[in-house]
Amino acid sequence: MRTLLAMRHAKSLWPDDEGMADVDRPLAKRGKREARQMARALAGRQEVPDLLVCSPAKRARATAKRMVKVWPFEVSTEIHEGLYGGGVAACRDALVGLPDAVRSAMLIGHNPALEDLVRMLTGRWVTLKTSTVARIDLDIASWGEMEYLPAGDLVYVLGVDEMAASGSTAEASQP
């Protein structure tokens, strides 16, 4: 059994500087706050991943950095170039080579690739707003089986909007 936490990066700025490349967009203040909130929520659920795999985009890397700082133990972060601008195949490729010792992995990336990945693995349509996590349980013995995009179970979708509405940092909507 493997657990995949698919997370869309935290809220980013839309700078006035038209010369700024999309890949270089930083987090907004709200995004910085929400990344920490989500990290606390996952820690409270005892769902801190073994490994974090992240897009090279500045906003995704900043999301990962803020989350790792909150967690009670060190979590390694790997940058996977294909997660920026790549589709479901890039998400799959980021997971296929993970070591068997990794039982739980988090992907921090972008839409529409992450929403498409969740749909392809679970058959469920979800909306991943910024700082939202979808947990998928996969009945696979190794990450290499991701090559075939195996069927998984959508356990929950957790977003900061739902946490705020419930007054909790650990509530999740059930699909």
C-alpha atoms as a PDB file:
ATOM      1  CA  MET A   1       0.000   0.000   0.000  1.00  0.00           C
ATOM      2  CA  ARG A   2       1.231   3.493  -0.881  1.00  0.00           C
ATOM      3  CA  THR A   3      -0.254   6.893  -0.083  1.00  0.00           C
ATOM      4  CA  LEU A   4      -0.163   9.809  -2.493  1.00  0.00           C
ATOM      5  CA  LEU A   5      -0.860  13.343  -1.315  1.00  0.00           C
ATOM      6  CA  ALA A   6      -1.454  15.502  -4.396  1.00  0.00           C
ATOM      7  CA  MET A   7      -1.269  19.197  -3.514  1.00  0.00           C
ATOM      8  CA  ARG A   8      -1.694  22.272  -5.628  1.00  0.00           C
ATOM      9  CA  HIS A   9       0.834  24.961  -4.716  1.00  0.00           C
ATOM     10  CA  ALA A  10      -0.222  27.783  -2.380  1.00  0.00           C
ATOM     11  CA  LYS A  11      -1.661  31.081  -3.644  1.00  0.00           C
ATOM     12  CA  SER A  12       0.813  33.051  -5.734  1.00  0.00           C
ATOM     13  CA  LEU A  13       1.164  36.675  -6.732  1.00  0.00           C
ATOM     14  CA  TRP A  14       0.233  38.034 -10.118  1.00  0.00           C
ATOM     15  CA  PRO A  15       2.956  40.664 -10.298  1.00  0.00           C
ATOM     16  CA  ASP A  16       2.631  43.950 -12.151  1.00  0.00           C
ATOM     17  CA  ASP A  17       5.949  43.192 -13.802  1.00  0.00           C
ATOM     18  CA  GLU A  18       4.896  41.833 -17.183  1.00  0.00           C
ATOM     19  CA  GLY A  19       8.454  40.704 -17.794  1.00  0.00           C
ATOM     20  CA  MET A  20       8.302  38.151 -14.968  1.00  0.00           C
ATOM     21  CA  ALA A  21       8.132  34.580 -16.211  1.00  0.00           C
ATOM     22  CA  ASP A  22       5.286  32.441 -14.862  1.00  0.00           C
ATOM     23  CA  VAL A  23       7.780  29.981 -13.368  1.00  0.00           C
ATOM     24  CA  ASP A  24       9.223  32.828 -11.249  1.00  0.00           C
ATOM     25  CA  ARG A  25       5.970  33.961  -9.609  1.00  0.00           C
ATOM     26  CA  PRO A  26       6.345  34.058  -5.792  1.00  0.00           C
ATOM     27  CA  LEU A  27       3.807  33.202  -3.113  1.00  0.00           C
ATOM     28  CA  ALA A  28       1.346  35.812  -1.927  1.00  0.00           C
ATOM     29  CA  LYS A  29       1.151  36.530   1.831  1.00  0.00           C
ATOM     30  CA  ARG A  30      -2.038  34.472   1.879  1.00  0.00           C
ATOM     31  CA  GLY A  31      -0.200  31.593   0.188  1.00  0.00           C
ATOM     32  CA  LYS A  32       2.586  31.653   2.764  1.00  0.00           C
ATOM     33  CA  ARG A  33       0.027  31.495   5.576  1.00  0.00           C
ATOM     34  CA  GLU A  34      -2.034  28.755   3.916  1.00  0.00           C
ATOM     35  CA  ALA A  35       0.994  26.553   3.215  1.00  0.00           C
ATOM     36  CA  ARG A  36       1.792  26.586   6.933  1.00  0.00           C
ATOM     37  CA  GLN A  37      -1.877  25.899   7.794  1.00  0.00           C
ATOM     38  CA  MET A  38      -1.955  22.874   5.513  1.00  0.00           C
ATOM     39  CA  ALA A  39       1.328  21.584   6.925  1.00  0.00           C
ATOM     40  CA  ARG A  40      -0.080  21.830  10.465  1.00  0.00           C
ATOM     41  CA  ALA A  41      -3.291  20.095   9.381  1.00  0.00           C
ATOM     42  CA  LEU A  42      -1.390  17.182   7.845  1.00  0.00           C
ATOM     43  CA  ALA A  43       0.872  16.910  10.896  1.00  0.00           C
ATOM     44  CA  GLY A  44      -2.218  16.913  13.130  1.00  0.00           C
ATOM     45  CA  ARG A  45      -3.609  14.015  11.099  1.00  0.00           C
ATOM     46  CA  GLN A  46      -0.214  12.248  11.344  1.00  0.00           C
ATOM     47  CA  GLU A  47       0.017  12.347   7.557  1.00  0.00           C
ATOM     48  CA  VAL A  48       3.390  13.951   6.989  1.00  0.00           C
ATOM     49  CA  PRO A  49       4.819  12.296   3.860  1.00  0.00           C
ATOM     50  CA  ASP A  50       8.085  10.391   3.705  1.00  0.00           C
ATOM     51  CA  LEU A  51       9.128  12.404   0.649  1.00  0.00           C
ATOM     52  CA  LEU A  52       7.995  15.575  -1.066  1.00  0.00           C
ATOM     53  CA  VAL A  53       8.303  15.836  -4.866  1.00  0.00           C
ATOM     54  CA  CYS A  54       7.929  19.372  -6.135  1.00  0.00           C
ATOM     55  CA  SER A  55       7.618  21.390  -9.323  1.00  0.00           C
ATOM     56  CA  PRO A  56      10.568  23.701 -10.050  1.00  0.00           C
ATOM     57  CA  ALA A  57       8.245  26.735 -10.124  1.00  0.00           C
ATOM     58  CA  LYS A  58       9.133  29.286  -7.444  1.00  0.00           C
ATOM     59  CA  ARG A  59       5.618  29.191  -5.936  1.00  0.00           C
ATOM     60  CA  ALA A  60       5.705  25.390  -5.623  1.00  0.00           C
ATOM     61  CA  ARG A  61       9.198  25.359  -4.097  1.00  0.00           C
ATOM     62  CA  ALA A  62       8.170  28.091  -1.624  1.00  0.00           C
ATOM     63  CA  THR A  63       5.088  26.066  -0.672  1.00  0.00           C
ATOM     64  CA  ALA A  64       7.264  23.016  -0.012  1.00  0.00           C
ATOM     65  CA  LYS A  65       9.791  25.026   1.997  1.00  0.00           C
ATOM     66  CA  ARG A  66       7.128  26.454   4.300  1.00  0.00           C
ATOM     67  CA  MET A  67       5.513  23.081   4.857  1.00  0.00           C
ATOM     68  CA  VAL A  68       8.750  21.280   5.656  1.00  0.00           C
ATOM     69  CA  LYS A  69       9.598  23.927   8.275  1.00  0.00           C
ATOM     70  CA  VAL A  70       6.363  23.176  10.149  1.00  0.00           C
ATOM     71  CA  TRP A  71       6.602  19.393  10.198  1.00  0.00           C
ATOM     72  CA  PRO A  72       7.951  17.689  13.328  1.00  0.00           C
ATOM     73  CA  PHE A  73      10.675  15.803  11.469  1.00  0.00           C
ATOM     74  CA  GLU A  74      12.790  16.329   8.389  1.00  0.00           C
ATOM     75  CA  VAL A  75      11.186  15.529   5.044  1.00  0.00           C
ATOM     76  CA  SER A  76      13.396  15.460   1.965  1.00  0.00           C
ATOM     77  CA  THR A  77      12.293  17.454  -1.054  1.00  0.00           C
ATOM     78  CA  GLU A  78      13.080  16.517  -4.634  1.00  0.00           C
ATOM     79  CA  ILE A  79      12.523  18.869  -7.552  1.00  0.00           C
ATOM     80  CA  HIS A  80      11.066  17.211 -10.642  1.00  0.00           C
ATOM     81  CA  GLU A  81      11.380  19.434 -13.706  1.00  0.00           C
ATOM     82  CA  GLY A  82       8.481  17.775 -15.532  1.00  0.00           C
ATOM     83  CA  LEU A  83       5.949  18.859 -12.918  1.00  0.00           C
ATOM     84  CA  TYR A  84       6.030  22.386 -14.322  1.00  0.00           C
ATOM     85  CA  GLY A  85       4.034  22.422 -17.531  1.00  0.00           C
ATOM     86  CA  GLY A  86       3.792  18.656 -17.740  1.00  0.00           C
ATOM     87  CA  GLY A  87       0.579  16.681 -17.615  1.00  0.00           C
ATOM     88  CA  VAL A  88      -0.447  13.434 -15.977  1.00  0.00           C
ATOM     89  CA  ALA A  89       2.481  11.618 -17.591  1.00  0.00           C
ATOM     90  CA  ALA A  90       4.911  13.992 -15.848  1.00  0.00           C
ATOM     91  CA  CYS A  91       3.187  13.356 -12.503  1.00  0.00           C
ATOM     92  CA  ARG A  92       3.423   9.618 -13.111  1.00  0.00           C
ATOM     93  CA  ASP A  93       7.075   9.900 -14.105  1.00  0.00           C
ATOM     94  CA  ALA A  94       7.834  11.802 -10.891  1.00  0.00           C
ATOM     95  CA  LEU A  95       6.488   8.863  -8.870  1.00  0.00           C
ATOM     96  CA  VAL A  96       7.630   5.805 -10.843  1.00  0.00           C
ATOM     97  CA  GLY A  97      11.250   5.929  -9.686  1.00  0.00           C
ATOM     98  CA  LEU A  98      10.639   6.558  -5.995  1.00  0.00           C
ATOM     99  CA  PRO A  99      12.379   4.092  -3.659  1.00  0.00           C
ATOM    100  CA  ASP A 100      10.316   1.321  -2.095  1.00  0.00           C
ATOM    101  CA  ALA A 101      11.173   2.698   1.356  1.00  0.00           C
ATOM    102  CA  VAL A 102       8.898   5.677   0.570  1.00  0.00           C
ATOM    103  CA  ARG A 103       5.421   4.651   1.733  1.00  0.00           C
ATOM    104  CA  SER A 104       3.862   8.108   1.457  1.00  0.00           C
ATOM    105  CA  ALA A 105       4.750  10.748  -1.119  1.00  0.00           C
ATOM    106  CA  MET A 106       3.473  14.260  -1.698  1.00  0.00           C
ATOM    107  CA  LEU A 107       3.431  15.912  -5.115  1.00  0.00           C
ATOM    108  CA  ILE A 108       3.298  19.708  -5.082  1.00  0.00           C
ATOM    109  CA  GLY A 109       2.429  20.946  -8.521  1.00  0.00           C
ATOM    110  CA  HIS A 110      -0.097  22.627 -10.755  1.00  0.00           C
ATOM    111  CA  ASN A 111      -3.487  22.281 -12.371  1.00  0.00           C
ATOM    112  CA  PRO A 112      -4.768  20.879 -14.595  1.00  0.00           C
ATOM    113  CA  ALA A 113      -2.209  18.069 -14.236  1.00  0.00           C
ATOM    114  CA  LEU A 114      -2.964  17.329 -10.570  1.00  0.00           C
ATOM    115  CA  GLU A 115      -6.750  17.332 -10.995  1.00  0.00           C
ATOM    116  CA  ASP A 116      -6.350  15.087 -14.047  1.00  0.00           C
ATOM    117  CA  LEU A 117      -4.084  12.731 -12.088  1.00  0.00           C
ATOM    118  CA  VAL A 118      -6.634  12.416  -9.274  1.00  0.00           C
ATOM    119  CA  ARG A 119      -9.387  11.728 -11.821  1.00  0.00           C
ATOM    120  CA  MET A 120      -7.332   9.123 -13.680  1.00  0.00           C
ATOM    121  CA  LEU A 121      -6.358   7.305 -10.475  1.00  0.00           C
ATOM    122  CA  THR A 122      -9.743   7.439  -8.732  1.00  0.00           C
ATOM    123  CA  GLY A 123     -12.386   8.093 -11.363  1.00  0.00           C
ATOM    124  CA  ARG A 124     -13.494  11.101  -9.288  1.00  0.00           C
ATOM    125  CA  TRP A 125     -13.614  14.716 -10.414  1.00  0.00           C
ATOM    126  CA  VAL A 126     -12.159  17.025  -7.779  1.00  0.00           C
ATOM    127  CA  THR A 127     -11.310  20.695  -7.636  1.00  0.00           C
ATOM    128  CA  LEU A 128      -7.874  21.429  -6.259  1.00  0.00           C
ATOM    129  CA  LYS A 129      -7.824  25.087  -5.315  1.00  0.00           C
ATOM    130  CA  THR A 130      -4.522  26.513  -4.138  1.00  0.00           C
ATOM    131  CA  SER A 131      -3.217  24.818  -0.962  1.00  0.00           C
ATOM    132  CA  THR A 132      -5.634  21.897  -1.385  1.00  0.00           C
ATOM    133  CA  VAL A 133      -4.561  18.285  -0.866  1.00  0.00           C
ATOM    134  CA  ALA A 134      -6.152  15.113  -2.224  1.00  0.00           C
ATOM    135  CA  ARG A 135      -5.182  11.898  -0.450  1.00  0.00           C
ATOM    136  CA  ILE A 136      -5.189   8.784  -2.597  1.00  0.00           C
ATOM    137  CA  ASP A 137      -4.495   5.313  -1.245  1.00  0.00           C
ATOM    138  CA  LEU A 138      -2.932   3.020  -3.832  1.00  0.00           C
ATOM    139  CA  ASP A 139      -2.909  -0.762  -3.535  1.00  0.00           C
ATOM    140  CA  ILE A 140       0.570  -1.131  -5.015  1.00  0.00           C
ATOM    141  CA  ALA A 141       3.716  -2.794  -3.700  1.00  0.00           C
ATOM    142  CA  SER A 142       6.102  -0.294  -5.275  1.00  0.00           C
ATOM    143  CA  TRP A 143       5.990   3.113  -6.928  1.00  0.00           C
ATOM    144  CA  GLY A 144       7.122   1.467 -10.160  1.00  0.00           C
ATOM    145  CA  GLU A 145       3.529   0.275 -10.572  1.00  0.00           C
ATOM    146  CA  MET A 146       2.533   3.910 -11.151  1.00  0.00           C
ATOM    147  CA  GLU A 147       3.713   3.328 -14.719  1.00  0.00           C
ATOM    148  CA  TYR A 148       0.250   1.870 -15.386  1.00  0.00           C
ATOM    149  CA  LEU A 149      -1.743   4.488 -13.410  1.00  0.00           C
ATOM    150  CA  PRO A 150      -3.386   1.954 -11.068  1.00  0.00           C
ATOM    151  CA  ALA A 151      -6.812   2.528  -9.573  1.00  0.00           C
ATOM    152  CA  GLY A 152      -6.718   4.216  -6.190  1.00  0.00           C
ATOM    153  CA  ASP A 153      -9.149   5.247  -3.467  1.00  0.00           C
ATOM    154  CA  LEU A 154      -9.804   8.944  -2.919  1.00  0.00           C
ATOM    155  CA  VAL A 155      -9.747   9.191   0.870  1.00  0.00           C
ATOM    156  CA  TYR A 156     -10.315  12.936   1.170  1.00  0.00           C
ATOM    157  CA  VAL A 157      -9.864  16.372  -0.320  1.00  0.00           C
ATOM    158  CA  LEU A 158      -8.604  18.872   2.256  1.00  0.00           C
ATOM    159  CA  GLY A 159      -8.534  22.578   1.535  1.00  0.00           C
ATOM    160  CA  VAL A 160      -7.952  25.669   3.608  1.00  0.00           C
ATOM    161  CA  ASP A 161     -11.426  26.953   2.689  1.00  0.00           C
ATOM    162  CA  GLU A 162     -13.022  23.882   4.281  1.00  0.00           C
ATOM    163  CA  MET A 163     -10.779  24.185   7.326  1.00  0.00           C
ATOM    164  CA  ALA A 164     -11.793  27.834   7.800  1.00  0.00           C
ATOM    165  CA  ALA A 165     -15.498  27.076   7.358  1.00  0.00           C
ATOM    166  CA  SER A 166     -15.361  24.321   9.970  1.00  0.00           C
ATOM    167  CA  GLY A 167     -13.145  26.300  12.334  1.00  0.00           C
ATOM    168  CA  SER A 168     -10.659  23.438  12.309  1.00  0.00           C
ATOM    169  CA  THR A 169      -7.256  22.804  10.812  1.00  0.00           C
ATOM    170  CA  ALA A 170      -7.794  19.077  10.485  1.00  0.00           C
ATOM    171  CA  GLU A 171     -11.229  18.650   8.888  1.00  0.00           C
ATOM    172  CA  ALA A 172     -11.534  17.206   5.419  1.00  0.00           C
ATOM    173  CA  SER A 173     -14.387  16.880   2.989  1.00  0.00           C
ATOM    174  CA  GLN A 174     -15.166  13.317   2.069  1.00  0.00           C
ATOM    175  CA  PRO A 175     -15.580  12.737  -1.650  1.00  0.00           C
END
